[in-house]
Amino acid sequence: MLGIIAGTGCTQLNNLEIIRRQVIRTPYGEPSGALTFGRIKDHEVVFLARHGYGHHLPPHEINYRANIWALREQGVENLVAVATVGGIREDMQPGVIAIPDQILDYTHGRKATYYEGGEKDVVHIDFTDPYCEALRQRCMAAARKTNLPYVDNGVYAAVQGPRLETAAEINRLERDGATMVGMTGMPEAVLARELGLCYAAITVVANHAAGRSSSQHGIQFGSVDAVLCPAMEGVRLMLEQLLEGDGD
């Protein structure tokens, strides 16, 4: 079953036929909210709003471990994460949809593993390729079927938040190889890997990163909604095609 976890700009899916909502308890506490079970084009999915359905949880306060655990426990095997980002590289213009293939982690203090030691042996997982390539390919095929332009790669810099970055910090991220910047990509991706989920991200560029182009002298928040609304509609169509593609 496909799980969808989404954040800013996508706290609900208007193409999701809701069947039920269920509060899930986990060994790691409560998820961001109740899981929403439903269908998209007759295909079963589970949806979770990453920041809560009232968008009240800042990135550093999200219980990532509970979120991923709850989805896995309800039968999710493939997990698509929808997230908004700031664009760093030239081709990451506002409104662009990108399917990243790498991550840089700048977060700190977050509960980032299920393997906390104690009486259990230390476990090291391979994270060379942080996203599931098979699911990435399905996402890109869905974009092509929807006739949506997209960028087929990218390095997601996961920062702590909730504040946005300085222009100097964006310059550093670019030197490190980042092409986009967001606040929720980690530890979400690594937790999914630890639980054996096939995880991929669909990112939507909401604005130029600090110091870039229209954000040279500050982020223009007033223009973000105008960018996100049509882009997120494209993401919803992508999800429909993703499900149609292999009968999930």
Protein backbone atom coordinates (compact mmCIF):
# COMPACT_ATOMS: atom_id res chain seq x y z
CA MET A 1 0.00 0.00 0.00
CA LEU A 2 1.16 3.52 -0.79
CA GLY A 3 1.63 6.02 2.01
CA ILE A 4 1.70 9.76 1.38
CA ILE A 5 3.18 12.17 3.89
CA ALA A 6 2.95 15.84 3.04
CA GLY A 7 3.64 19.23 4.55
CA THR A 8 3.30 22.90 3.70
CA GLY A 9 0.92 23.48 0.81
CA CYS A 10 -0.51 19.97 0.89
CA THR A 11 -2.28 19.32 4.20
CA GLN A 12 -5.05 17.51 2.36
CA LEU A 13 -5.65 15.81 -0.99
CA ASN A 14 -8.80 16.91 -2.78
CA ASN A 15 -8.65 13.78 -4.95
CA LEU A 16 -8.66 11.50 -1.90
CA GLU A 17 -11.90 9.69 -1.12
CA ILE A 18 -11.72 9.47 2.67
CA ILE A 19 -12.91 6.20 4.20
CA ARG A 20 -11.83 6.66 7.80
CA ARG A 21 -9.36 8.36 10.11
CA GLN A 22 -7.56 6.49 12.83
CA VAL A 23 -5.44 7.64 15.76
CA ILE A 24 -2.40 5.38 16.07
CA ARG A 25 -0.30 4.86 19.17
CA THR A 26 3.33 3.87 18.73
CA PRO A 27 6.25 2.95 21.03
CA TYR A 28 7.66 6.37 20.10
CA GLY A 29 4.66 8.47 21.00
CA GLU A 30 1.93 9.95 18.84
CA PRO A 31 2.27 10.81 15.14
CA SER A 32 1.57 14.30 13.83
CA GLY A 33 -2.12 13.42 13.59
CA ALA A 34 -4.58 10.69 12.80
CA LEU A 35 -3.84 8.63 9.71
CA THR A 36 -6.34 9.18 6.91
CA PHE A 37 -7.29 6.02 5.04
CA GLY A 38 -8.92 6.37 1.64
CA ARG A 39 -8.80 5.83 -2.09
CA ILE A 40 -7.41 7.75 -5.02
CA LYS A 41 -8.90 6.45 -8.27
CA ASP A 42 -9.93 3.20 -6.51
CA HIS A 43 -6.44 2.61 -5.12
CA GLU A 44 -6.01 2.40 -1.36
CA VAL A 45 -3.68 4.94 0.24
CA VAL A 46 -2.81 6.23 3.70
CA PHE A 47 -2.25 9.96 4.12
CA LEU A 48 -0.59 11.88 6.95
CA ALA A 49 -0.13 15.64 7.30
CA ARG A 50 3.45 16.00 8.48
CA HIS A 51 2.88 19.24 10.42
CA GLY A 52 -0.53 18.17 11.74
CA TYR A 53 -3.85 18.92 10.07
CA GLY A 54 -3.82 22.42 11.56
CA HIS A 55 -0.20 22.91 10.45
CA HIS A 56 0.84 23.54 14.06
CA LEU A 57 4.02 21.45 14.35
CA PRO A 58 7.31 23.18 13.41
CA PRO A 59 9.88 21.01 11.62
CA HIS A 60 12.09 20.39 14.66
CA GLU A 61 9.11 19.32 16.82
CA ILE A 62 7.68 16.70 14.43
CA ASN A 63 7.72 13.17 15.84
CA TYR A 64 9.31 11.61 12.77
CA ARG A 65 9.81 8.23 14.41
CA ALA A 66 6.14 7.93 15.36
CA ASN A 67 5.04 9.04 11.88
CA ILE A 68 7.09 6.47 9.99
CA TRP A 69 6.40 3.70 12.49
CA ALA A 70 2.63 4.29 12.35
CA LEU A 71 2.58 4.17 8.56
CA ARG A 72 4.63 0.97 8.46
CA GLU A 73 2.39 -0.68 11.05
CA GLN A 74 -0.66 0.02 8.87
CA GLY A 75 0.81 -1.84 5.91
CA VAL A 76 2.59 0.92 4.03
CA GLU A 77 5.48 -0.42 1.97
CA ASN A 78 6.00 2.48 -0.43
CA LEU A 79 6.11 6.01 0.99
CA VAL A 80 6.04 9.22 -1.03
CA ALA A 81 7.03 12.38 0.81
CA VAL A 82 5.72 15.66 -0.60
CA ALA A 83 7.64 18.72 0.57
CA THR A 84 8.21 22.35 -0.32
CA VAL A 85 11.76 23.64 -0.71
CA GLY A 86 13.73 26.74 -1.50
CA GLY A 87 15.51 26.68 -4.83
CA ILE A 88 19.30 27.08 -4.88
CA ARG A 89 20.44 25.83 -8.27
CA GLU A 90 19.54 27.88 -11.34
CA ASP A 91 16.99 25.37 -12.62
CA MET A 92 15.18 25.26 -9.25
CA GLN A 93 12.79 28.08 -10.03
CA PRO A 94 9.57 28.69 -8.04
CA GLY A 95 6.89 26.23 -9.12
CA VAL A 96 9.34 23.59 -10.34
CA ILE A 97 8.76 19.98 -9.28
CA ALA A 98 11.93 18.01 -8.53
CA ILE A 99 12.63 14.40 -7.57
CA PRO A 100 15.84 14.56 -5.49
CA ASP A 101 18.35 11.74 -5.44
CA GLN A 102 20.65 12.82 -2.59
CA ILE A 103 20.48 14.43 0.85
CA LEU A 104 22.75 16.58 3.01
CA ASP A 105 21.78 16.61 6.69
CA TYR A 106 22.32 19.78 8.74
CA THR A 107 19.71 19.04 11.40
CA HIS A 108 20.56 18.53 15.05
CA GLY A 109 18.87 17.29 18.20
CA ARG A 110 16.18 15.29 16.42
CA LYS A 111 15.38 11.68 17.27
CA ALA A 112 16.98 10.25 14.16
CA THR A 113 17.12 6.47 14.61
CA TYR A 114 15.25 3.47 15.94
CA TYR A 115 18.60 1.90 16.90
CA GLU A 116 19.46 3.61 20.15
CA GLY A 117 21.83 1.01 21.52
CA GLY A 118 21.27 -0.03 25.12
CA GLU A 119 20.94 -3.79 25.35
CA LYS A 120 20.71 -4.17 21.58
CA ASP A 121 23.65 -4.41 19.20
CA VAL A 122 24.72 -1.31 17.31
CA VAL A 123 23.20 -1.31 13.80
CA HIS A 124 24.65 0.56 10.82
CA ILE A 125 22.47 0.85 7.71
CA ASP A 126 23.68 1.66 4.22
CA PHE A 127 22.53 5.11 3.17
CA THR A 128 24.63 5.63 0.06
CA ASP A 129 21.50 6.26 -1.98
CA PRO A 130 18.99 7.75 0.48
CA TYR A 131 15.97 7.45 -1.80
CA CYS A 132 14.44 4.29 -3.23
CA GLU A 133 15.39 4.37 -6.91
CA ALA A 134 12.47 2.21 -8.01
CA LEU A 135 9.98 4.62 -6.44
CA ARG A 136 11.87 7.63 -7.82
CA GLN A 137 11.50 6.16 -11.30
CA ARG A 138 7.78 5.62 -10.74
CA CYS A 139 7.39 9.24 -9.64
CA MET A 140 9.16 10.49 -12.74
CA ALA A 141 7.11 8.22 -15.01
CA ALA A 142 3.97 9.64 -13.37
CA ALA A 143 5.16 13.18 -14.08
CA ARG A 144 5.73 12.32 -17.73
CA LYS A 145 2.27 10.77 -18.04
CA THR A 146 0.79 13.93 -16.54
CA ASN A 147 2.84 16.06 -18.95
CA LEU A 148 4.38 17.89 -16.01
CA PRO A 149 7.86 19.33 -16.43
CA TYR A 150 10.16 18.16 -13.65
CA VAL A 151 13.80 17.99 -12.61
CA ASP A 152 14.96 14.38 -12.31
CA ASN A 153 17.66 14.91 -9.68
CA GLY A 154 18.74 17.17 -6.89
CA VAL A 155 20.52 17.35 -3.56
CA TYR A 156 18.16 18.17 -0.72
CA ALA A 157 19.80 20.09 2.14
CA ALA A 158 17.83 19.36 5.31
CA VAL A 159 18.21 22.26 7.76
CA GLN A 160 16.94 22.68 11.29
CA GLY A 161 14.41 25.49 10.96
CA PRO A 162 11.95 26.84 11.72
CA ARG A 163 13.69 30.03 10.67
CA LEU A 164 14.76 30.41 7.06
CA GLU A 165 18.41 30.62 6.12
CA THR A 166 20.78 33.54 5.72
CA ALA A 167 22.21 34.32 2.30
CA ALA A 168 25.63 33.21 3.56
CA GLU A 169 24.21 29.87 4.71
CA ILE A 170 22.69 29.30 1.27
CA ASN A 171 26.09 30.08 -0.27
CA ARG A 172 27.63 27.43 1.99
CA LEU A 173 24.96 24.89 1.08
CA GLU A 174 25.60 25.53 -2.60
CA ARG A 175 29.34 24.99 -2.11
CA ASP A 176 28.50 21.72 -0.40
CA GLY A 177 26.55 20.63 -3.47
CA ALA A 178 22.96 21.33 -2.40
CA THR A 179 20.48 22.29 -5.10
CA MET A 180 17.45 22.83 -2.81
CA VAL A 181 16.84 23.45 0.87
CA GLY A 182 14.08 22.19 3.17
CA MET A 183 13.45 21.37 6.81
CA THR A 184 11.80 17.94 6.94
CA GLY A 185 13.78 15.60 4.67
CA MET A 186 15.77 14.26 7.62
CA PRO A 187 15.43 12.16 9.67
CA GLU A 188 12.35 11.10 7.69
CA ALA A 189 14.34 9.42 4.92
CA VAL A 190 16.69 7.49 7.18
CA LEU A 191 13.89 6.28 9.46
CA ALA A 192 12.04 4.94 6.43
CA ARG A 193 15.22 3.10 5.41
CA GLU A 194 15.62 1.62 8.89
CA LEU A 195 12.10 0.19 8.71
CA GLY A 196 12.60 -1.18 5.19
CA LEU A 197 10.21 1.20 3.43
CA CYS A 198 10.71 2.25 -0.17
CA TYR A 199 10.85 6.04 0.21
CA ALA A 200 11.03 8.84 -2.36
CA ALA A 201 10.38 12.57 -2.29
CA ILE A 202 8.45 14.89 -4.58
CA THR A 203 9.60 18.43 -3.88
CA VAL A 204 8.00 21.67 -5.01
CA VAL A 205 10.11 24.81 -5.16
CA ALA A 206 8.11 27.44 -3.25
CA ASN A 207 10.61 30.31 -3.57
CA HIS A 208 14.17 31.20 -4.43
CA ALA A 209 16.47 30.51 -1.49
CA ALA A 210 17.80 33.47 0.50
CA GLY A 211 20.03 35.78 -1.51
CA ARG A 212 18.93 34.33 -4.86
CA SER A 213 17.02 36.18 -7.60
CA SER A 214 13.66 37.42 -6.25
CA SER A 215 14.82 36.54 -2.72
CA GLN A 216 18.00 38.58 -2.98
CA HIS A 217 16.84 41.01 -0.32
CA GLY A 218 14.40 38.74 1.52
CA ILE A 219 11.84 36.00 0.98
CA GLN A 220 8.66 37.27 -0.68
CA PHE A 221 6.09 35.33 1.35
CA GLY A 222 3.16 36.94 -0.44
CA SER A 223 3.99 35.16 -3.68
CA VAL A 224 4.39 31.66 -2.20
CA ASP A 225 0.70 30.67 -2.22
CA ALA A 226 0.34 31.72 -5.85
CA VAL A 227 3.22 29.39 -6.70
CA LEU A 228 2.19 26.45 -4.55
CA CYS A 229 -1.47 26.16 -5.50
CA PRO A 230 -0.99 25.18 -9.17
CA ALA A 231 2.17 23.19 -8.40
CA MET A 232 0.43 21.09 -5.74
CA GLU A 233 -2.42 20.39 -8.13
CA GLY A 234 0.21 18.95 -10.44
CA VAL A 235 1.52 16.80 -7.59
CA ARG A 236 -1.99 15.45 -6.96
CA LEU A 237 -2.26 14.45 -10.62
CA MET A 238 1.16 12.81 -10.37
CA LEU A 239 -0.02 10.74 -7.43
CA GLU A 240 -3.01 9.55 -9.44
CA GLN A 241 -0.75 8.41 -12.26
CA LEU A 242 1.68 6.84 -9.81
CA LEU A 243 -1.11 4.65 -8.46
CA GLU A 244 -2.46 3.85 -11.90
CA GLY A 245 0.98 2.77 -13.02
CA ASP A 246 1.22 -0.54 -11.21
CA GLY A 247 -2.05 -1.20 -9.47
CA ASP A 248 -1.08 -0.19 -5.93
